[in-house]
Amino acid sequence: MKITIKDVEYVAKLARLSLTVDEKNKFAGQLNAILEYMDELNKLDTEGVPPTSHAVVIKNVFRTDKVEKSDASEDIISNAPEKENRFFKVKKVME
């Protein structure tokens, strides 16, 4: 697949970019070079190579969620500037 100046102009229009003639030629050349390299990669034999999403093996480092009872609620409420029973008291924000 060859990238034409018209293709570059179309993408520039979508991106709301104004390009000079030199820039259009430059980008068309660069994009064609990328596609030529991709064609080279497509020629490689990848039979038997498993697909990967990461270059290295990763694992989930998060712990599992579990509900636990907390006795710290009194300590938290004690720091509130205003409170009512076990709840924070805040100013009304809706009219």
N, C-alpha and C. Protein backbone atom coordinates (compact mmCIF):
# COMPACT_ATOMS: atom_id res chain seq x y z
N MET A 1 0.85 -1.18 0.00
CA MET A 1 0.00 0.00 0.00
C MET A 1 0.89 1.23 0.00
N LYS A 2 0.61 2.12 -0.87
CA LYS A 2 1.41 3.34 -1.00
C LYS A 2 0.58 4.52 -0.50
N ILE A 3 1.20 5.34 0.33
CA ILE A 3 0.55 6.54 0.84
C ILE A 3 0.74 7.65 -0.17
N THR A 4 -0.34 8.27 -0.57
CA THR A 4 -0.26 9.37 -1.54
C THR A 4 -0.39 10.71 -0.81
N ILE A 5 -0.11 11.76 -1.53
CA ILE A 5 -0.27 13.11 -0.99
C ILE A 5 -1.74 13.33 -0.61
N LYS A 6 -2.63 12.76 -1.40
CA LYS A 6 -4.06 12.90 -1.11
C LYS A 6 -4.41 12.26 0.24
N ASP A 7 -3.78 11.10 0.54
CA ASP A 7 -3.99 10.46 1.84
C ASP A 7 -3.50 11.35 2.98
N VAL A 8 -2.34 11.94 2.80
CA VAL A 8 -1.77 12.83 3.82
C VAL A 8 -2.69 14.04 4.02
N GLU A 9 -3.20 14.60 2.92
CA GLU A 9 -4.10 15.75 3.02
C GLU A 9 -5.39 15.37 3.76
N TYR A 10 -5.88 14.16 3.51
CA TYR A 10 -7.10 13.70 4.18
C TYR A 10 -6.89 13.59 5.69
N VAL A 11 -5.78 12.96 6.08
CA VAL A 11 -5.49 12.81 7.51
C VAL A 11 -5.24 14.17 8.15
N ALA A 12 -4.56 15.06 7.45
CA ALA A 12 -4.30 16.40 7.97
C ALA A 12 -5.61 17.15 8.17
N LYS A 13 -6.54 16.96 7.26
CA LYS A 13 -7.85 17.61 7.40
C LYS A 13 -8.58 17.08 8.63
N LEU A 14 -8.55 15.76 8.83
CA LEU A 14 -9.19 15.17 10.01
C LEU A 14 -8.57 15.69 11.31
N ALA A 15 -7.26 15.90 11.28
CA ALA A 15 -6.54 16.38 12.46
C ALA A 15 -6.54 17.90 12.56
N ARG A 16 -7.19 18.55 11.61
CA ARG A 16 -7.26 20.01 11.56
C ARG A 16 -5.87 20.64 11.51
N LEU A 17 -5.01 20.06 10.64
CA LEU A 17 -3.66 20.56 10.46
C LEU A 17 -3.54 21.21 9.09
N SER A 18 -2.84 22.30 9.03
CA SER A 18 -2.54 22.89 7.72
C SER A 18 -1.06 22.61 7.44
N LEU A 19 -0.82 21.89 6.36
CA LEU A 19 0.54 21.49 6.02
C LEU A 19 0.99 22.18 4.74
N THR A 20 2.27 22.47 4.68
CA THR A 20 2.84 23.01 3.44
C THR A 20 3.06 21.86 2.46
N VAL A 21 3.35 22.19 1.24
CA VAL A 21 3.60 21.17 0.21
C VAL A 21 4.81 20.33 0.61
N ASP A 22 5.85 20.98 1.15
CA ASP A 22 7.05 20.25 1.57
C ASP A 22 6.71 19.27 2.70
N GLU A 23 5.89 19.70 3.66
CA GLU A 23 5.51 18.83 4.76
C GLU A 23 4.69 17.64 4.26
N LYS A 24 3.79 17.88 3.32
CA LYS A 24 2.99 16.78 2.76
C LYS A 24 3.88 15.75 2.10
N ASN A 25 4.86 16.22 1.32
CA ASN A 25 5.79 15.29 0.67
C ASN A 25 6.63 14.54 1.69
N LYS A 26 7.09 15.25 2.71
CA LYS A 26 7.92 14.65 3.75
C LYS A 26 7.14 13.57 4.49
N PHE A 27 5.91 13.88 4.91
CA PHE A 27 5.11 12.92 5.67
C PHE A 27 4.71 11.72 4.81
N ALA A 28 4.41 11.95 3.56
CA ALA A 28 4.08 10.83 2.66
C ALA A 28 5.28 9.89 2.55
N GLY A 29 6.47 10.46 2.42
CA GLY A 29 7.69 9.64 2.35
C GLY A 29 7.93 8.86 3.63
N GLN A 30 7.76 9.53 4.78
CA GLN A 30 7.99 8.86 6.06
C GLN A 30 6.97 7.74 6.29
N LEU A 31 5.72 8.00 5.96
CA LEU A 31 4.69 6.98 6.14
C LEU A 31 4.93 5.79 5.20
N ASN A 32 5.36 6.06 3.98
CA ASN A 32 5.69 4.97 3.06
C ASN A 32 6.86 4.14 3.57
N ALA A 33 7.85 4.79 4.17
CA ALA A 33 8.99 4.07 4.74
C ALA A 33 8.53 3.15 5.86
N ILE A 34 7.61 3.62 6.68
CA ILE A 34 7.07 2.81 7.78
C ILE A 34 6.34 1.59 7.21
N LEU A 35 5.51 1.82 6.20
CA LEU A 35 4.76 0.71 5.61
C LEU A 35 5.68 -0.30 4.91
N GLU A 36 6.75 0.17 4.29
CA GLU A 36 7.72 -0.73 3.68
C GLU A 36 8.38 -1.60 4.74
N TYR A 37 8.71 -1.02 5.89
CA TYR A 37 9.30 -1.78 6.98
C TYR A 37 8.30 -2.81 7.50
N MET A 38 7.04 -2.43 7.60
CA MET A 38 6.01 -3.38 8.05
C MET A 38 5.90 -4.54 7.06
N ASP A 39 6.02 -4.27 5.77
CA ASP A 39 6.01 -5.34 4.77
C ASP A 39 7.17 -6.29 4.99
N GLU A 40 8.34 -5.76 5.34
CA GLU A 40 9.50 -6.61 5.64
C GLU A 40 9.21 -7.50 6.84
N LEU A 41 8.60 -6.93 7.88
CA LEU A 41 8.27 -7.71 9.07
C LEU A 41 7.23 -8.79 8.75
N ASN A 42 6.30 -8.49 7.86
CA ASN A 42 5.27 -9.46 7.50
C ASN A 42 5.85 -10.66 6.75
N LYS A 43 7.04 -10.52 6.18
CA LYS A 43 7.67 -11.63 5.47
C LYS A 43 8.28 -12.65 6.42
N LEU A 44 8.47 -12.28 7.68
CA LEU A 44 9.09 -13.18 8.65
C LEU A 44 8.16 -14.34 8.98
N ASP A 45 8.75 -15.51 9.22
CA ASP A 45 7.99 -16.68 9.60
C ASP A 45 7.73 -16.64 11.11
N THR A 46 6.49 -16.47 11.49
CA THR A 46 6.14 -16.41 12.91
C THR A 46 5.33 -17.63 13.33
N GLU A 47 5.39 -18.68 12.53
CA GLU A 47 4.67 -19.91 12.86
C GLU A 47 5.20 -20.48 14.17
N GLY A 48 4.31 -20.78 15.08
CA GLY A 48 4.71 -21.35 16.36
C GLY A 48 5.13 -20.34 17.40
N VAL A 49 5.13 -19.07 17.07
CA VAL A 49 5.48 -18.03 18.04
C VAL A 49 4.19 -17.54 18.68
N PRO A 50 4.05 -17.72 19.99
CA PRO A 50 2.80 -17.29 20.63
C PRO A 50 2.68 -15.77 20.65
N PRO A 51 1.46 -15.27 20.47
CA PRO A 51 1.27 -13.81 20.54
C PRO A 51 1.51 -13.31 21.95
N THR A 52 2.06 -12.12 22.05
CA THR A 52 2.32 -11.53 23.36
C THR A 52 1.79 -10.10 23.39
N SER A 53 1.41 -9.68 24.57
CA SER A 53 0.98 -8.29 24.72
C SER A 53 2.04 -7.48 25.45
N HIS A 54 3.00 -8.16 26.10
CA HIS A 54 4.08 -7.49 26.81
C HIS A 54 5.39 -8.20 26.50
N ALA A 55 6.47 -7.47 26.55
CA ALA A 55 7.78 -8.04 26.26
C ALA A 55 8.28 -8.91 27.41
N VAL A 56 7.82 -8.62 28.60
CA VAL A 56 8.22 -9.41 29.77
C VAL A 56 6.97 -9.95 30.46
N VAL A 57 7.16 -11.00 31.23
CA VAL A 57 6.03 -11.58 31.96
C VAL A 57 5.64 -10.64 33.08
N ILE A 58 4.35 -10.36 33.19
CA ILE A 58 3.88 -9.51 34.27
C ILE A 58 2.86 -10.27 35.09
N LYS A 59 2.67 -9.83 36.32
CA LYS A 59 1.65 -10.45 37.16
C LYS A 59 0.92 -9.35 37.91
N ASN A 60 -0.27 -9.66 38.31
CA ASN A 60 -1.09 -8.71 39.04
C ASN A 60 -0.52 -8.58 40.46
N VAL A 61 -0.26 -7.36 40.88
CA VAL A 61 0.32 -7.13 42.20
C VAL A 61 -0.71 -6.65 43.21
N PHE A 62 -1.97 -6.58 42.79
CA PHE A 62 -3.01 -6.14 43.71
C PHE A 62 -3.46 -7.27 44.60
N ARG A 63 -3.80 -6.96 45.81
CA ARG A 63 -4.33 -7.97 46.71
C ARG A 63 -5.82 -8.13 46.44
N THR A 64 -6.37 -9.22 46.89
CA THR A 64 -7.80 -9.42 46.72
C THR A 64 -8.55 -8.54 47.71
N ASP A 65 -9.68 -8.03 47.30
CA ASP A 65 -10.50 -7.20 48.18
C ASP A 65 -11.23 -8.08 49.18
N LYS A 66 -11.23 -7.65 50.42
CA LYS A 66 -12.04 -8.34 51.42
C LYS A 66 -12.57 -7.30 52.40
N VAL A 67 -13.80 -7.51 52.79
CA VAL A 67 -14.46 -6.58 53.70
C VAL A 67 -14.02 -6.90 55.12
N GLU A 68 -13.61 -5.86 55.83
CA GLU A 68 -13.21 -6.02 57.22
C GLU A 68 -13.89 -4.96 58.06
N LYS A 69 -14.21 -5.31 59.28
CA LYS A 69 -14.82 -4.36 60.19
C LYS A 69 -13.75 -3.40 60.68
N SER A 70 -14.11 -2.11 60.72
CA SER A 70 -13.17 -1.11 61.16
C SER A 70 -13.69 -0.45 62.44
N ASP A 71 -12.81 -0.33 63.41
CA ASP A 71 -13.16 0.35 64.65
C ASP A 71 -12.63 1.78 64.65
N ALA A 72 -12.12 2.25 63.53
CA ALA A 72 -11.51 3.57 63.46
C ALA A 72 -12.52 4.67 63.19
N SER A 73 -13.81 4.33 63.03
CA SER A 73 -14.80 5.36 62.67
C SER A 73 -14.90 6.45 63.74
N GLU A 74 -14.77 6.10 64.99
CA GLU A 74 -14.82 7.10 66.06
C GLU A 74 -13.64 8.06 65.96
N ASP A 75 -12.48 7.54 65.62
CA ASP A 75 -11.30 8.39 65.47
C ASP A 75 -11.47 9.34 64.30
N ILE A 76 -12.05 8.85 63.21
CA ILE A 76 -12.25 9.69 62.03
C ILE A 76 -13.26 10.79 62.32
N ILE A 77 -14.38 10.44 62.93
CA ILE A 77 -15.42 11.43 63.24
C ILE A 77 -14.91 12.45 64.25
N SER A 78 -14.05 12.04 65.15
CA SER A 78 -13.55 12.97 66.17
C SER A 78 -12.75 14.11 65.54
N ASN A 79 -12.23 13.93 64.35
CA ASN A 79 -11.45 14.97 63.67
C ASN A 79 -12.32 15.93 62.86
N ALA A 80 -13.62 15.65 62.74
CA ALA A 80 -14.50 16.48 61.92
C ALA A 80 -14.75 17.81 62.61
N PRO A 81 -14.79 18.93 61.83
CA PRO A 81 -15.07 20.22 62.43
C PRO A 81 -16.49 20.28 62.99
N GLU A 82 -17.44 19.64 62.30
CA GLU A 82 -18.81 19.56 62.79
C GLU A 82 -19.30 18.14 62.59
N LYS A 83 -20.02 17.63 63.57
CA LYS A 83 -20.53 16.27 63.45
C LYS A 83 -21.89 16.19 64.12
N GLU A 84 -22.64 15.20 63.71
CA GLU A 84 -23.94 14.93 64.30
C GLU A 84 -24.05 13.42 64.46
N ASN A 85 -24.05 12.96 65.69
CA ASN A 85 -24.00 11.53 66.01
C ASN A 85 -22.76 10.91 65.37
N ARG A 86 -22.94 9.92 64.48
CA ARG A 86 -21.80 9.25 63.85
C ARG A 86 -21.50 9.79 62.46
N PHE A 87 -22.04 10.97 62.10
CA PHE A 87 -21.95 11.46 60.73
C PHE A 87 -21.27 12.83 60.67
N PHE A 88 -20.63 13.10 59.54
CA PHE A 88 -20.08 14.43 59.29
C PHE A 88 -21.24 15.37 59.02
N LYS A 89 -21.17 16.58 59.54
CA LYS A 89 -22.19 17.57 59.27
C LYS A 89 -21.58 18.59 58.31
N VAL A 90 -22.26 18.76 57.16
CA VAL A 90 -21.75 19.68 56.14
C VAL A 90 -22.83 20.69 55.79
N LYS A 91 -22.40 21.81 55.24
CA LYS A 91 -23.35 22.84 54.84
C LYS A 91 -24.14 22.36 53.64
N LYS A 92 -25.35 22.85 53.54
CA LYS A 92 -26.21 22.51 52.43
C LYS A 92 -25.62 23.10 51.15
N VAL A 93 -25.53 22.29 50.10
CA VAL A 93 -24.95 22.79 48.86
C VAL A 93 -25.98 22.95 47.75
N MET A 94 -27.22 22.56 48.00
CA MET A 94 -28.28 22.70 47.00
C MET A 94 -29.34 23.65 47.54
N GLU A 95 -29.94 24.39 46.66
CA GLU A 95 -30.98 25.32 47.09
C GLU A 95 -32.35 24.73 46.82
